[in-house]
Amino acid sequence: MSVRRIWASVSTLALAAVAALGVAGPATAAGSAAAGGYVALGDSYSSGVGAGSYLSDSGDCRRSTNAYPYLWAAANSPASFDFVACSGATTGSIASSQLGVLSSSTSLVSVTAGGNDVGFADVMQDCVLSSEATCVNSVNTAVSQIQNSLPSSLDSLYDSIRAKAPQAQVVVLGYPRFYKLSGSCVAGLTETERSAINNASDVLNGVLAKRAADAGFTFSGVADEFTGHELCSGDPWLNSVTLPVYNSYHPKAAGQSGGYLPAFRSAV
């Protein structure tokens, strides 16, 4: 399940039709976005943890040149590019430490946020190291937080983004499902655990989509792009448990370029 606006507006569809006829038209949506400043906010899924090639000045934020914001900026040459997404970021830390680069001249913003608010890392640790019952209980606790406490935190963050960048198009990206059920994995988590984790991702994406829509932002899911490339698929775009451990359960470079980048590009 992926909730995404494949085209930003009816005018974009019209431009596609014009292009198909070989007739010159006005600037594309991506071109318009590139005309102003682009700011990439968010957590590790935006900074590119798991994708390698980390920028030397990014420290523990682990911003990668393989991350979708860096790839989009390289392809579209926005007037300015501020890549401030950081590993471990929550809605609160994004609001307190990443929004200073936003301004009235910012024309495009991307953001991933919410996974760390509901204890994503702790849930996965419980599932890997503890019993099935402990895993499912930990997932259910996270789902309760997603449904009950996360919406107000997202609203606060989105309000702050809009206040600091009133003219910007804001794209909220979702999170992939982790597992292909009945897939190729012969060890590790049980199918019950994998199913519970996938369900939590769907619930999280549903909340993100609703809060983004209510804020007037665009939500772009990535579940469709990652279908066939989940863990246990035979061609995973996500790291399983690995070393260094912080790369675990994060997109590989292929997940950023083949999953997140197309999802972002389709919304701009």
Protein backbone atom coordinates (compact mmCIF):
# COMPACT_ATOMS: atom_id res chain seq x y z
CA MET A 1 0.00 0.00 0.00
CA SER A 2 1.46 3.30 -1.07
CA VAL A 3 -0.23 6.67 -0.82
CA ARG A 4 1.34 8.98 -3.31
CA ARG A 5 0.45 11.71 -5.79
CA ILE A 6 2.01 10.41 -8.98
CA TRP A 7 1.63 13.82 -10.57
CA ALA A 8 1.61 17.06 -8.65
CA SER A 9 -1.30 18.64 -10.56
CA VAL A 10 -3.41 18.57 -13.68
CA SER A 11 -0.99 21.02 -15.26
CA THR A 12 1.79 18.46 -14.92
CA LEU A 13 -0.32 15.95 -16.85
CA ALA A 14 -0.85 18.56 -19.53
CA LEU A 15 2.88 19.16 -19.78
CA ALA A 16 3.45 15.43 -20.18
CA ALA A 17 0.98 15.35 -23.05
CA VAL A 18 2.70 18.32 -24.69
CA ALA A 19 6.07 16.62 -24.31
CA ALA A 20 4.71 13.44 -25.90
CA LEU A 21 3.72 15.47 -28.95
CA GLY A 22 7.19 16.95 -29.19
CA VAL A 23 5.96 20.49 -28.51
CA ALA A 24 7.94 22.78 -26.24
CA GLY A 25 6.19 23.72 -23.02
CA PRO A 26 6.90 25.73 -19.87
CA ALA A 27 9.33 24.60 -17.15
CA THR A 28 8.70 21.23 -15.56
CA ALA A 29 7.72 20.90 -11.92
CA ALA A 30 11.24 19.74 -11.04
CA GLY A 31 12.66 22.73 -12.88
CA SER A 32 10.44 25.07 -10.93
CA ALA A 33 11.49 23.49 -7.66
CA ALA A 34 15.15 23.76 -8.63
CA ALA A 35 14.73 27.46 -9.30
CA GLY A 36 14.63 28.08 -5.54
CA GLY A 37 16.32 26.58 -2.53
CA TYR A 38 15.92 22.92 -1.56
CA VAL A 39 16.19 21.83 2.09
CA ALA A 40 16.39 18.15 3.07
CA LEU A 41 15.18 17.57 6.62
CA GLY A 42 14.61 14.39 8.54
CA ASP A 43 15.99 11.27 10.12
CA SER A 44 18.33 8.48 8.99
CA TYR A 45 16.11 7.49 6.07
CA SER A 46 16.75 10.93 4.56
CA SER A 47 20.36 11.28 5.69
CA GLY A 48 21.19 7.98 4.00
CA VAL A 49 22.31 5.76 6.85
CA GLY A 50 22.96 2.33 5.41
CA ALA A 51 23.88 3.67 1.96
CA GLY A 52 27.57 4.35 2.66
CA SER A 53 29.71 7.17 1.23
CA TYR A 54 29.05 9.47 4.19
CA LEU A 55 30.06 13.11 3.97
CA SER A 56 33.08 13.72 6.18
CA ASP A 57 31.60 16.81 7.80
CA SER A 58 28.32 15.11 8.75
CA GLY A 59 29.66 13.21 11.76
CA ASP A 60 27.16 10.95 13.48
CA CYS A 61 24.35 12.34 11.29
CA ARG A 62 25.84 10.16 8.52
CA ARG A 63 24.66 12.11 5.51
CA SER A 64 25.39 10.08 2.40
CA THR A 65 26.14 11.12 -1.16
CA ASN A 66 23.96 8.11 -2.07
CA ALA A 67 20.93 9.51 -0.21
CA TYR A 68 17.94 10.63 -2.27
CA PRO A 69 18.25 14.35 -1.37
CA TYR A 70 21.86 14.45 -2.55
CA LEU A 71 21.01 12.52 -5.73
CA TRP A 72 18.06 14.79 -6.54
CA ALA A 73 20.08 17.95 -5.94
CA ALA A 74 22.93 16.67 -8.13
CA ALA A 75 20.51 15.97 -10.98
CA ASN A 76 18.47 19.18 -10.70
CA SER A 77 20.94 21.85 -9.49
CA PRO A 78 18.66 23.83 -7.18
CA ALA A 79 19.61 27.45 -6.47
CA SER A 80 20.75 26.29 -3.03
CA PHE A 81 20.85 22.95 -1.25
CA ASP A 82 20.86 22.48 2.52
CA PHE A 83 21.21 18.82 3.53
CA VAL A 84 20.58 18.75 7.28
CA ALA A 85 18.83 15.38 7.83
CA CYS A 86 20.42 13.47 10.69
CA SER A 87 20.50 9.94 12.01
CA GLY A 88 18.39 9.50 15.12
CA ALA A 89 16.29 12.62 14.54
CA THR A 90 12.81 12.85 16.00
CA THR A 91 10.06 15.34 15.21
CA GLY A 92 11.25 17.36 18.20
CA SER A 93 14.94 17.40 17.30
CA ILE A 94 14.14 18.28 13.68
CA ALA A 95 12.10 21.23 14.91
CA SER A 96 14.80 22.38 17.32
CA SER A 97 17.95 21.82 15.27
CA GLN A 98 17.20 21.53 11.54
CA LEU A 99 14.75 24.30 10.66
CA GLY A 100 17.21 27.21 10.88
CA VAL A 101 18.10 26.81 7.19
CA LEU A 102 14.49 27.36 6.09
CA SER A 103 13.46 30.77 4.80
CA SER A 104 10.96 32.55 2.60
CA SER A 105 13.18 31.72 -0.40
CA THR A 106 13.01 27.97 0.23
CA SER A 107 10.97 26.47 -2.59
CA LEU A 108 11.23 22.75 -1.81
CA VAL A 109 11.47 20.75 1.41
CA SER A 110 11.68 16.99 1.93
CA VAL A 111 11.30 15.29 5.29
CA THR A 112 11.11 11.84 6.90
CA ALA A 113 10.09 11.82 10.54
CA GLY A 114 8.18 9.64 12.97
CA GLY A 115 10.06 6.34 13.19
CA ASN A 116 12.31 7.44 16.02
CA ASP A 117 9.43 9.04 17.92
CA VAL A 118 7.88 5.61 18.37
CA GLY A 119 11.10 3.77 19.24
CA PHE A 120 11.90 2.13 15.91
CA ALA A 121 15.38 1.00 17.01
CA ASP A 122 14.15 -0.45 20.31
CA VAL A 123 11.34 -2.36 18.58
CA MET A 124 13.76 -4.00 16.17
CA GLN A 125 16.14 -4.84 19.02
CA ASP A 126 13.31 -6.53 20.92
CA CYS A 127 12.33 -8.49 17.83
CA VAL A 128 15.86 -9.66 17.06
CA LEU A 129 16.93 -10.49 20.61
CA SER A 130 13.74 -11.52 22.41
CA SER A 131 10.79 -13.86 22.06
CA GLU A 132 8.00 -13.63 19.51
CA ALA A 133 5.60 -12.48 22.23
CA THR A 134 7.98 -9.72 23.33
CA CYS A 135 8.45 -8.61 19.73
CA VAL A 136 4.73 -8.46 18.97
CA ASN A 137 4.04 -6.61 22.23
CA SER A 138 6.76 -4.07 21.41
CA VAL A 139 5.33 -3.56 17.92
CA ASN A 140 1.82 -3.11 19.33
CA THR A 141 3.10 -0.51 21.79
CA ALA A 142 4.67 1.39 18.91
CA VAL A 143 1.42 1.20 16.91
CA SER A 144 -0.44 2.68 19.87
CA GLN A 145 2.04 5.56 19.97
CA ILE A 146 1.69 6.05 16.21
CA GLN A 147 -2.06 6.36 16.54
CA ASN A 148 -2.28 8.35 19.77
CA SER A 149 0.77 10.54 20.40
CA LEU A 150 2.57 10.88 17.06
CA PRO A 151 -0.12 12.90 15.22
CA SER A 152 0.23 15.94 17.46
CA SER A 153 4.03 15.80 17.21
CA LEU A 154 3.81 15.71 13.42
CA ASP A 155 1.33 18.60 13.42
CA SER A 156 3.71 20.69 15.51
CA LEU A 157 6.65 19.95 13.23
CA TYR A 158 4.67 20.61 10.06
CA ASP A 159 3.34 23.89 11.45
CA SER A 160 6.90 24.99 12.21
CA ILE A 161 8.09 24.07 8.72
CA ARG A 162 5.26 26.02 7.12
CA ALA A 163 5.91 29.06 9.32
CA LYS A 164 9.58 29.19 8.34
CA ALA A 165 9.13 28.30 4.67
CA PRO A 166 5.71 29.69 3.72
CA GLN A 167 6.22 29.39 -0.05
CA ALA A 168 7.79 25.93 -0.16
CA GLN A 169 6.39 22.72 -1.53
CA VAL A 170 6.87 20.22 1.29
CA VAL A 171 7.15 16.51 0.49
CA VAL A 172 6.74 14.07 3.38
CA LEU A 173 8.17 10.65 2.54
CA GLY A 174 7.09 7.42 4.16
CA TYR A 175 8.85 4.23 5.21
CA PRO A 176 9.10 0.87 3.41
CA ARG A 177 7.68 -2.42 4.55
CA PHE A 178 10.64 -4.42 5.81
CA TYR A 179 9.72 -7.97 4.87
CA LYS A 180 8.47 -10.05 1.98
CA LEU A 181 6.19 -12.54 3.68
CA SER A 182 6.65 -16.21 2.78
CA GLY A 183 9.93 -15.12 1.25
CA SER A 184 13.37 -16.64 0.97
CA CYS A 185 14.51 -16.22 4.59
CA VAL A 186 14.95 -19.54 6.38
CA ALA A 187 16.07 -18.10 9.72
CA GLY A 188 15.62 -15.01 11.82
CA LEU A 189 12.23 -13.57 12.75
CA THR A 190 9.03 -15.58 12.53
CA GLU A 191 6.34 -14.81 9.95
CA THR A 192 4.17 -13.49 12.78
CA GLU A 193 6.88 -11.02 13.77
CA ARG A 194 7.52 -9.97 10.17
CA SER A 195 3.81 -9.47 9.55
CA ALA A 196 3.45 -7.35 12.70
CA ILE A 197 6.39 -5.14 11.68
CA ASN A 198 4.97 -4.67 8.17
CA ASN A 199 1.59 -3.76 9.62
CA ALA A 200 3.20 -1.15 11.87
CA SER A 201 4.85 0.40 8.81
CA ASP A 202 1.47 0.59 7.06
CA VAL A 203 -0.14 2.23 10.10
CA LEU A 204 2.72 4.73 10.34
CA ASN A 205 2.47 5.60 6.67
CA GLY A 206 -1.28 6.09 7.00
CA VAL A 207 -0.81 8.58 9.84
CA LEU A 208 1.95 10.39 7.96
CA ALA A 209 -0.27 10.68 4.88
CA LYS A 210 -3.21 12.07 6.86
CA ARG A 211 -1.18 14.61 8.83
CA ALA A 212 0.68 15.71 5.67
CA ALA A 213 -2.59 16.21 3.79
CA ASP A 214 -4.09 18.22 6.64
CA ALA A 215 -1.00 20.45 6.62
CA GLY A 216 -1.27 21.01 2.88
CA PHE A 217 1.88 18.97 2.21
CA THR A 218 2.44 16.15 -0.30
CA PHE A 219 2.87 12.63 1.04
CA SER A 220 4.91 10.20 -1.07
CA GLY A 221 5.03 6.58 0.04
CA VAL A 222 7.80 4.18 -0.89
CA ALA A 223 6.12 0.80 -0.34
CA ASP A 224 5.43 0.33 -4.06
CA GLU A 225 9.03 1.08 -4.99
CA PHE A 226 10.37 -1.38 -2.41
CA THR A 227 7.94 -4.17 -3.37
CA GLY A 228 10.07 -7.07 -4.52
CA HIS A 229 13.08 -5.62 -2.74
CA GLU A 230 12.14 -6.18 0.90
CA LEU A 231 14.15 -8.36 3.24
CA CYS A 232 13.57 -12.04 2.34
CA SER A 233 12.86 -11.07 -1.28
CA GLY A 234 16.14 -12.36 -2.72
CA ASP A 235 17.08 -8.85 -3.88
CA PRO A 236 16.74 -6.69 -0.77
CA TRP A 237 17.27 -2.94 -0.90
CA LEU A 238 17.36 -2.90 2.91
CA ASN A 239 20.16 -3.98 5.22
CA SER A 240 19.29 -6.77 7.62
CA VAL A 241 21.23 -7.10 10.89
CA THR A 242 24.74 -6.05 9.91
CA LEU A 243 27.90 -4.34 11.05
CA PRO A 244 28.26 -1.53 11.77
CA VAL A 245 24.99 -2.05 13.58
CA TYR A 246 23.64 1.43 12.79
CA ASN A 247 23.24 0.36 9.15
CA SER A 248 20.79 -2.38 10.13
CA TYR A 249 17.23 -1.99 8.81
CA HIS A 250 18.12 1.01 6.67
CA PRO A 251 18.05 1.32 2.87
CA LYS A 252 21.15 0.39 0.93
CA ALA A 253 22.35 2.69 -1.84
CA ALA A 254 20.00 0.81 -4.20
CA GLY A 255 17.09 1.56 -1.87
CA GLN A 256 17.88 5.27 -1.96
CA SER A 257 18.33 5.46 -5.75
CA GLY A 258 15.69 2.89 -6.72
CA GLY A 259 13.16 3.50 -3.95
CA TYR A 260 13.31 6.89 -2.29
CA LEU A 261 14.56 8.94 -5.23
CA PRO A 262 11.73 7.92 -7.61
CA ALA A 263 9.15 8.42 -4.85
CA PHE A 264 10.47 11.93 -4.20
CA ARG A 265 10.86 12.77 -7.88
CA SER A 266 7.26 11.75 -8.60
CA ALA A 267 5.97 14.22 -6.02
CA VAL A 268 8.00 17.27 -7.08
